[in-house]
């Protein structure tokens, strides 16, 4: 005789990911978000950078006007 406690319809209960697995996934998501944000910032910096000027090399005294 079958038990009346056996689930015959609907979703079966399964184990979810362990705490260690969830923490690893969270760290990977944060690392991926950080890398994407850094890449987006670098791309934005490259696109919006002013054109390089050919005024010669920049040195410690280049901020003072030459007479």
Foldseek 3Di string as FASTA:
>chain_A
DDDPPDDDDDDDDDDDDDPVVVVVVVVVVVVVVVVVVVVVVVVVCVVPPDDDDPPDDDDPPPVDDDD
